Amino acid sequence: MTEKRIPRVQLPDDVRLDTLAVREGLPPSQWGENSEALFLTSSFVQPDAATAAARFANEEEAFIYSRFTNPTVMMFERRLAAMEGTEACIGTSSGMSAILLMGLGLLKAGDHVICSQSVFGSTIMLLGREFAKFGVETSFVSQTDVSEWRRAVKPNTRLLFAESPTNPLTEVCDIRALSAIARDAGAWFAVDNCFCSPALQKPIEYGADLIIHSGTKYLDGQGRVIAGAICGSEKLINEKLVPVMRSAGMTLSPFNAWVVLKGLETLSIRMQAQSARALELAAWLEQQPTVERVYYPGLKSHPQHELAMAQQSGSGGAVVSFIVAGQGTGGATLARKNAFHVIDSTRICSITANLGDTKTTITHPASTSHGRLTEEQRQAAGITQGMIRVAVGLDDVADLKADLLRGLGSL
């Protein structure tokens, strides 16, 4: 008799994150491969017409068509879900397509969303502009003021959404408190866990309903592919999101899924090493006379330091942002000029808006990741022209200090 469910890897119930990161997925094929197989196929042959009919009707769990069922993608989904502590996961073509899928699956015309005003610029544009075309209203509120989230709730509020930490200010939200607000409002609460990954933070443990990922970042870890994912309960994933994926196709390719799947195997050790380097670099930046302010949750000077240490396994993550001198004296024009000077003076850091790579990256958020926002939106999010974001990789910290000092030392 044909199995109704796709088999699972047989692991003890109490295995820990690092073991799940290298073992969870699918059982090996009849060939007994130790490294997960890459299934580059668009479709799957069915044994007979009746079985095909049953599988297309969701009466049997099986692989049908790679737009919504593929073994390699399922391996990635099962592994990430296990690491996040959720029942299920759905892979997507990018982090932004994950947010799009979430919105299409959960929202309808007339619904209301509450979102942090400090999230990634494309997220603000997607919720505030694109979803508005279809009658979904979004209120943008302070990332850290819980009372502002509570006051924003309306009878038609269906979703609360936050990043923690945010990009690029590294603001940390109180996940447990916002989860309670969502629960009282009868709404879902989704957390973008891109900056921390499950190696440092598991929002589900604090009451979040959904966890959003850009697998492009730390999950892959080496800047190789574009990928995304949503983790949550089987009910939410299978009833709300899978049908939309099946129709709309924000599909994660098998190859990209395989790359990120292998990246998950080193996630924990990479996050530990990169976070340690980031902390050392942030502390050094605080001592530089041409740096006006440093944003890093691992520093005691960070406004949400204690909350971050509680939620993020005692780690600040690997992203450091700072403001160069000139913001208060010469205005935005001088601040931007100085920021560009520091960035252009580097010889090691990669000038790119991507993050999560083993190579340290540096960018000017106001003109790149948040460049499409209005100046008013940037100011509300605290993103000034003098701000620089450094996503610390695995480069030697002494070399990074020297690289940044070339510009900082000549301002």
Protein backbone atom coordinates (compact mmCIF):
# COMPACT_ATOMS: atom_id res chain seq x y z
CA MET A 1 0.00 0.00 0.00
CA THR A 2 1.26 3.47 -0.88
CA GLU A 3 2.37 5.52 2.12
CA LYS A 4 0.05 8.45 2.84
CA ARG A 5 2.85 10.54 4.33
CA ILE A 6 6.41 11.21 3.21
CA PRO A 7 8.73 9.50 5.73
CA ARG A 8 10.85 11.43 8.19
CA VAL A 9 14.41 11.03 9.43
CA GLN A 10 14.42 8.91 12.57
CA LEU A 11 16.10 11.00 15.27
CA PRO A 12 15.77 10.94 19.07
CA ASP A 13 13.18 13.40 20.35
CA ASP A 14 15.69 15.33 22.47
CA VAL A 15 18.43 16.09 19.93
CA ARG A 16 19.67 19.66 20.03
CA LEU A 17 19.91 22.42 17.44
CA ASP A 18 23.40 21.63 16.15
CA THR A 19 22.42 18.01 15.52
CA LEU A 20 19.21 19.02 13.79
CA ALA A 21 21.24 21.39 11.63
CA VAL A 22 23.18 18.51 10.10
CA ARG A 23 20.66 15.62 10.32
CA GLU A 24 17.05 16.73 9.85
CA GLY A 25 15.51 16.48 6.39
CA LEU A 26 14.48 13.34 4.50
CA PRO A 27 15.75 9.76 4.80
CA PRO A 28 18.41 8.93 2.16
CA SER A 29 17.35 7.30 -1.08
CA GLN A 30 17.92 3.63 -1.88
CA TRP A 31 21.50 4.58 -2.76
CA GLY A 32 22.30 5.54 0.85
CA GLU A 33 23.87 8.95 0.21
CA ASN A 34 25.25 10.70 3.31
CA SER A 35 25.07 14.21 1.84
CA GLU A 36 21.58 15.30 0.90
CA ALA A 37 20.60 14.75 -2.73
CA LEU A 38 19.76 17.55 -5.15
CA PHE A 39 16.57 16.82 -7.10
CA LEU A 40 16.71 18.94 -10.26
CA THR A 41 13.40 17.97 -11.81
CA SER A 42 10.29 19.93 -12.66
CA SER A 43 7.85 17.04 -12.21
CA PHE A 44 7.52 13.58 -10.68
CA VAL A 45 6.15 10.46 -12.37
CA GLN A 46 3.11 8.89 -10.70
CA PRO A 47 2.57 5.09 -10.67
CA ASP A 48 -0.94 5.25 -12.11
CA ALA A 49 -3.79 7.65 -12.85
CA ALA A 50 -5.71 6.89 -9.66
CA THR A 51 -2.68 7.61 -7.48
CA ALA A 52 -2.01 10.82 -9.40
CA ALA A 53 -5.59 11.91 -8.79
CA ALA A 54 -5.33 11.15 -5.07
CA ARG A 55 -2.07 13.06 -4.77
CA PHE A 56 -3.30 16.11 -6.64
CA ALA A 57 -6.34 16.10 -4.33
CA ASN A 58 -4.04 16.10 -1.27
CA GLU A 59 -5.32 12.69 -0.18
CA GLU A 60 -1.74 11.41 -0.20
CA GLU A 61 1.43 13.33 0.62
CA ALA A 62 3.80 12.92 -2.29
CA PHE A 63 5.99 14.82 -4.72
CA ILE A 64 4.05 16.07 -7.70
CA TYR A 65 5.45 19.23 -9.26
CA SER A 66 8.42 21.30 -8.10
CA ARG A 67 6.45 24.53 -7.96
CA PHE A 68 5.08 23.29 -4.63
CA THR A 69 6.57 19.85 -3.84
CA ASN A 70 10.23 18.89 -4.19
CA PRO A 71 12.39 16.60 -2.01
CA THR A 72 15.34 18.99 -1.73
CA VAL A 73 13.08 21.89 -0.80
CA MET A 74 11.31 19.70 1.75
CA MET A 75 14.65 18.79 3.32
CA PHE A 76 15.39 22.47 3.80
CA GLU A 77 11.90 23.18 5.12
CA ARG A 78 11.96 20.35 7.63
CA ARG A 79 15.43 21.26 8.85
CA LEU A 80 14.67 24.96 9.33
CA ALA A 81 11.35 24.20 11.05
CA ALA A 82 13.09 21.86 13.46
CA MET A 83 15.75 24.45 14.21
CA GLU A 84 13.13 27.17 14.81
CA GLY A 85 11.05 24.83 16.96
CA THR A 86 7.98 25.06 14.72
CA GLU A 87 5.79 22.34 13.25
CA ALA A 88 6.22 23.36 9.63
CA CYS A 89 8.01 25.62 7.17
CA ILE A 90 7.48 26.70 3.57
CA GLY A 91 10.41 27.74 1.41
CA THR A 92 10.12 30.72 -0.94
CA SER A 93 12.15 32.31 -3.71
CA SER A 94 13.36 35.19 -1.50
CA GLY A 95 12.81 36.83 1.86
CA MET A 96 10.54 39.43 0.27
CA SER A 97 8.49 36.75 -1.48
CA ALA A 98 8.04 35.14 1.95
CA ILE A 99 6.46 38.37 3.22
CA LEU A 100 4.37 38.60 0.06
CA LEU A 101 3.18 35.00 0.52
CA MET A 102 2.33 35.70 4.15
CA GLY A 103 0.28 38.74 3.18
CA LEU A 104 -1.58 36.99 0.39
CA GLY A 105 -2.30 34.02 2.62
CA LEU A 106 -3.48 35.89 5.70
CA LEU A 107 -4.93 39.19 4.52
CA LYS A 108 -7.83 40.47 2.45
CA ALA A 109 -9.25 43.85 1.44
CA GLY A 110 -10.35 45.80 4.51
CA ASP A 111 -7.79 44.22 6.85
CA HIS A 112 -5.34 46.21 8.95
CA VAL A 113 -1.65 45.53 9.65
CA ILE A 114 0.56 47.01 12.37
CA CYS A 115 4.23 47.06 11.42
CA SER A 116 7.40 48.45 12.94
CA GLN A 117 8.51 51.63 11.20
CA SER A 118 12.11 50.41 11.47
CA VAL A 119 11.85 47.35 9.21
CA PHE A 120 13.73 46.81 5.95
CA GLY A 121 12.90 49.45 3.33
CA SER A 122 11.42 46.97 0.85
CA THR A 123 9.10 45.65 3.56
CA ILE A 124 7.80 49.16 4.19
CA MET A 125 7.21 49.62 0.45
CA LEU A 126 5.49 46.24 0.07
CA LEU A 127 3.10 46.72 2.99
CA GLY A 128 2.62 50.46 2.77
CA ARG A 129 2.33 50.83 -1.00
CA GLU A 130 1.72 47.53 -2.81
CA PHE A 131 -0.74 45.97 -0.38
CA ALA A 132 -2.52 49.32 -0.06
CA LYS A 133 -3.52 48.95 -3.74
CA PHE A 134 -5.66 45.98 -2.71
CA GLY A 135 -7.33 47.57 0.28
CA VAL A 136 -4.99 46.48 3.09
CA GLU A 137 -4.12 49.31 5.48
CA THR A 138 -0.83 49.39 7.38
CA SER A 139 0.02 51.49 10.44
CA PHE A 140 3.75 51.95 11.08
CA VAL A 141 4.71 52.33 14.73
CA SER A 142 7.76 52.56 16.95
CA GLN A 143 9.70 49.30 17.13
CA THR A 144 10.30 49.64 20.85
CA ASP A 145 7.24 51.44 22.26
CA VAL A 146 4.83 48.66 23.23
CA SER A 147 2.10 51.14 24.11
CA GLU A 148 2.20 52.54 20.56
CA TRP A 149 1.54 49.04 19.17
CA ARG A 150 -1.35 48.63 21.59
CA ARG A 151 -2.90 51.99 20.63
CA ALA A 152 -2.66 51.13 16.93
CA VAL A 153 -4.92 48.09 17.24
CA LYS A 154 -8.23 48.36 15.37
CA PRO A 155 -11.21 45.98 15.14
CA ASN A 156 -9.95 44.87 11.72
CA THR A 157 -6.31 44.34 12.76
CA ARG A 158 -5.23 40.93 11.46
CA LEU A 159 -1.42 41.00 11.56
CA LEU A 160 1.43 42.47 13.61
CA PHE A 161 4.86 42.37 11.97
CA ALA A 162 8.32 43.21 13.28
CA GLU A 163 12.00 42.54 12.68
CA SER A 164 14.16 41.94 15.70
CA PRO A 165 16.80 43.28 15.56
CA THR A 166 15.90 45.75 12.83
CA ASN A 167 17.88 46.68 9.75
CA PRO A 168 20.01 48.79 10.19
CA LEU A 169 19.47 50.31 13.65
CA THR A 170 19.45 46.92 15.42
CA GLU A 171 16.41 47.92 17.48
CA VAL A 172 15.01 45.01 19.49
CA CYS A 173 11.29 44.53 20.09
CA ASP A 174 9.77 42.78 23.07
CA ILE A 175 8.51 39.68 21.26
CA ARG A 176 6.57 38.36 24.24
CA ALA A 177 4.76 41.68 24.79
CA LEU A 178 3.83 42.10 21.12
CA SER A 179 2.67 38.48 20.99
CA ALA A 180 0.27 39.23 23.82
CA ILE A 181 -1.09 42.29 22.01
CA ALA A 182 -1.68 40.23 18.87
CA ARG A 183 -3.36 37.47 20.83
CA ASP A 184 -5.70 39.91 22.59
CA ALA A 185 -6.58 41.45 19.20
CA GLY A 186 -7.26 38.10 17.57
CA ALA A 187 -4.41 38.78 15.14
CA TRP A 188 -1.33 36.91 14.02
CA PHE A 189 2.15 38.04 15.01
CA ALA A 190 5.06 37.49 12.61
CA VAL A 191 8.73 38.12 13.39
CA ASP A 192 11.49 38.50 10.82
CA ASN A 193 14.34 36.53 12.39
CA CYS A 194 16.86 37.28 9.66
CA PHE A 195 19.46 39.04 11.84
CA CYS A 196 19.58 36.40 14.57
CA SER A 197 18.53 33.13 12.92
CA PRO A 198 17.49 30.19 15.12
CA ALA A 199 21.10 29.89 16.24
CA LEU A 200 20.53 32.91 18.50
CA GLN A 201 16.79 33.46 18.78
CA LYS A 202 13.58 31.45 18.48
CA PRO A 203 10.59 33.81 18.34
CA ILE A 204 8.15 30.91 18.63
CA GLU A 205 9.29 30.47 22.24
CA TYR A 206 8.07 34.00 23.00
CA GLY A 207 4.66 33.57 21.40
CA ALA A 208 5.16 34.52 17.74
CA ASP A 209 2.89 32.76 15.24
CA LEU A 210 5.10 33.02 12.18
CA ILE A 211 8.82 33.44 11.61
CA ILE A 212 10.07 35.05 8.40
CA HIS A 213 13.51 34.39 6.92
CA SER A 214 15.62 35.70 4.13
CA GLY A 215 17.66 32.57 3.57
CA THR A 216 19.92 34.76 1.44
CA LYS A 217 21.52 36.02 4.63
CA TYR A 218 22.84 33.93 7.53
CA LEU A 219 21.03 30.70 6.66
CA ASP A 220 23.13 30.39 3.51
CA GLY A 221 25.96 32.37 5.05
CA GLN A 222 28.19 32.77 2.01
CA GLY A 223 26.30 35.11 -0.28
CA ARG A 224 25.60 32.48 -2.93
CA VAL A 225 21.85 32.31 -3.54
CA ILE A 226 18.51 34.05 -2.97
CA ALA A 227 16.03 32.21 -0.74
CA GLY A 228 13.28 32.77 1.82
CA ALA A 229 11.08 30.86 4.23
CA ILE A 230 8.15 31.07 6.63
CA CYS A 231 8.01 28.89 9.75
CA GLY A 232 4.87 28.27 11.81
CA SER A 233 2.21 25.77 12.76
CA GLU A 234 1.11 23.06 10.34
CA LYS A 235 -2.37 24.58 10.31
CA LEU A 236 -1.16 28.04 9.30
CA ILE A 237 1.36 26.80 6.77
CA ASN A 238 -0.78 24.12 5.15
CA GLU A 239 -4.16 25.82 5.23
CA LYS A 240 -3.21 29.46 4.62
CA LEU A 241 0.10 29.51 2.74
CA VAL A 242 0.51 26.30 0.74
CA PRO A 243 -2.63 26.96 -1.37
CA VAL A 244 -1.30 30.40 -2.32
CA MET A 245 2.12 28.97 -3.17
CA ARG A 246 0.47 26.30 -5.29
CA SER A 247 -1.40 28.95 -7.30
CA ALA A 248 1.04 31.86 -7.31
CA GLY A 249 4.42 30.10 -7.27
CA MET A 250 6.86 32.13 -5.13
CA THR A 251 8.85 28.93 -5.48
CA LEU A 252 12.23 28.18 -3.90
CA SER A 253 14.34 26.43 -6.52
CA PRO A 254 15.76 23.01 -5.56
CA PHE A 255 19.31 24.17 -6.17
CA ASN A 256 18.96 27.22 -3.93
CA ALA A 257 17.24 25.07 -1.30
CA TRP A 258 20.16 22.64 -1.39
CA VAL A 259 22.72 25.44 -1.00
CA VAL A 260 20.90 26.90 2.02
CA LEU A 261 20.31 23.42 3.44
CA LYS A 262 24.07 22.85 3.48
CA GLY A 263 24.59 26.35 4.86
CA LEU A 264 22.43 25.50 7.88
CA GLU A 265 24.98 22.88 8.88
CA THR A 266 27.48 25.57 9.89
CA LEU A 267 24.96 28.21 11.02
CA SER A 268 25.61 27.93 14.74
CA ILE A 269 29.39 28.11 14.61
CA ARG A 270 29.28 30.94 12.07
CA MET A 271 26.87 33.01 14.15
CA GLN A 272 28.97 32.53 17.27
CA ALA A 273 32.18 33.53 15.51
CA GLN A 274 30.70 36.47 13.61
CA SER A 275 28.86 37.79 16.67
CA ALA A 276 32.07 37.70 18.71
CA ARG A 277 33.88 39.67 16.02
CA ALA A 278 30.99 42.15 15.81
CA LEU A 279 31.06 42.79 19.55
CA GLU A 280 34.79 43.50 19.47
CA LEU A 281 34.42 45.81 16.48
CA ALA A 282 31.44 47.66 18.02
CA ALA A 283 33.34 48.27 21.26
CA TRP A 284 36.27 49.60 19.25
CA LEU A 285 34.04 51.90 17.20
CA GLU A 286 32.64 53.42 20.39
CA GLN A 287 36.15 54.62 21.21
CA GLN A 288 36.77 56.35 17.88
CA PRO A 289 36.59 60.17 18.06
CA THR A 290 35.03 60.46 14.59
CA VAL A 291 32.16 58.10 15.43
CA GLU A 292 29.17 59.82 17.02
CA ARG A 293 27.13 56.75 17.93
CA VAL A 294 27.24 52.96 17.62
CA TYR A 295 24.18 50.72 17.34
CA TYR A 296 24.81 47.15 18.48
CA PRO A 297 22.62 45.13 20.89
CA GLY A 298 25.64 43.50 22.51
CA LEU A 299 26.86 46.84 23.88
CA LYS A 300 25.58 48.01 27.25
CA SER A 301 24.99 51.42 25.65
CA HIS A 302 22.29 49.93 23.41
CA PRO A 303 18.80 50.99 24.63
CA GLN A 304 17.47 47.41 24.49
CA HIS A 305 20.66 45.66 25.60
CA GLU A 306 19.10 43.66 28.46
CA LEU A 307 16.12 42.61 26.36
CA ALA A 308 18.41 41.58 23.51
CA MET A 309 20.58 39.49 25.81
CA ALA A 310 17.48 37.72 27.15
CA GLN A 311 15.92 37.03 23.73
CA GLN A 312 19.08 36.43 21.71
CA SER A 313 20.90 33.83 23.80
CA GLY A 314 23.21 36.46 25.24
CA SER A 315 24.49 37.54 21.81
CA GLY A 316 24.28 40.81 19.91
CA GLY A 317 24.39 39.25 16.47
CA ALA A 318 26.75 40.18 13.65
CA VAL A 319 25.46 43.55 12.40
CA VAL A 320 26.90 46.84 13.65
CA SER A 321 25.69 50.28 12.55
CA PHE A 322 27.30 53.59 13.43
CA ILE A 323 27.03 57.29 12.68
CA VAL A 324 30.11 59.17 11.54
CA ALA A 325 31.02 62.66 12.68
CA GLY A 326 29.45 65.61 10.91
CA GLN A 327 25.75 64.93 11.43
CA GLY A 328 25.41 67.59 14.10
CA THR A 329 27.68 70.22 12.58
CA GLY A 330 27.37 70.22 8.82
CA GLY A 331 23.93 68.69 8.43
CA ALA A 332 22.87 65.84 6.19
CA THR A 333 25.11 66.82 3.27
CA LEU A 334 28.34 66.68 5.28
CA ALA A 335 27.24 63.55 7.09
CA ARG A 336 26.61 61.75 3.80
CA LYS A 337 29.95 62.94 2.40
CA ASN A 338 31.78 61.63 5.47
CA ALA A 339 29.96 58.31 5.39
CA PHE A 340 30.83 57.85 1.72
CA HIS A 341 34.46 58.72 2.51
CA VAL A 342 34.69 56.01 5.17
CA ILE A 343 33.05 53.44 2.91
CA ASP A 344 35.19 54.31 -0.11
CA SER A 345 38.37 54.21 1.97
CA THR A 346 37.95 50.52 2.80
CA ARG A 347 40.07 47.92 1.03
CA ILE A 348 38.79 44.76 2.69
CA CYS A 349 35.08 45.28 3.35
CA SER A 350 32.80 44.51 0.41
CA ILE A 351 30.66 47.51 -0.55
CA THR A 352 27.31 45.79 -0.94
CA ALA A 353 23.92 46.01 0.72
CA ASN A 354 23.80 42.25 1.30
CA LEU A 355 24.57 40.85 4.75
CA GLY A 356 25.08 37.49 6.39
CA ASP A 357 28.14 36.65 4.30
CA THR A 358 31.42 35.26 5.62
CA LYS A 359 32.93 38.33 3.94
CA THR A 360 32.33 41.54 5.90
CA THR A 361 30.07 43.93 4.00
CA ILE A 362 29.62 47.68 4.37
CA THR A 363 26.84 49.93 3.08
CA HIS A 364 25.15 53.31 3.39
CA PRO A 365 21.53 52.40 4.25
CA ALA A 366 20.01 55.80 3.46
CA SER A 367 21.01 55.51 -0.20
CA THR A 368 20.79 51.73 -0.69
CA SER A 369 18.54 49.41 1.34
CA HIS A 370 16.30 52.32 2.40
CA GLY A 371 16.94 54.56 -0.61
CA ARG A 372 13.40 54.24 -1.99
CA LEU A 373 11.85 55.62 1.18
CA THR A 374 10.99 59.26 1.56
CA GLU A 375 13.23 61.36 3.78
CA GLU A 376 10.33 61.56 6.23
CA GLN A 377 10.12 57.77 6.39
CA ARG A 378 13.87 57.49 6.88
CA GLN A 379 13.84 60.04 9.66
CA ALA A 380 10.97 58.20 11.38
CA ALA A 381 13.04 55.03 11.23
CA GLY A 382 16.13 56.85 12.56
CA ILE A 383 18.16 56.29 9.40
CA THR A 384 20.35 59.34 8.90
CA GLN A 385 22.74 60.25 6.09
CA GLY A 386 25.70 59.70 8.39
CA MET A 387 24.86 56.09 9.16
CA ILE A 388 26.99 53.16 8.00
CA ARG A 389 26.06 49.50 8.43
CA VAL A 390 28.72 46.84 8.76
CA ALA A 391 27.71 43.18 8.60
CA VAL A 392 30.68 41.47 10.18
CA GLY A 393 31.90 38.30 8.52
CA LEU A 394 34.81 36.03 9.37
CA ASP A 395 37.58 38.47 8.47
CA ASP A 396 40.19 39.10 11.15
CA VAL A 397 38.91 41.87 13.44
CA ALA A 398 42.28 43.63 13.50
CA ASP A 399 42.13 43.89 9.72
CA LEU A 400 38.58 45.27 9.88
CA LYS A 401 39.61 47.91 12.41
CA ALA A 402 42.49 49.00 10.19
CA ASP A 403 40.18 49.02 7.17
CA LEU A 404 37.65 51.33 8.83
CA LEU A 405 40.35 53.50 10.38
CA ARG A 406 41.58 54.50 6.92
CA GLY A 407 38.44 56.58 6.53
CA LEU A 408 37.60 57.36 10.11
CA GLY A 409 41.11 58.56 10.83
CA SER A 410 41.07 61.09 8.01
CA LEU A 411 37.70 62.80 8.67
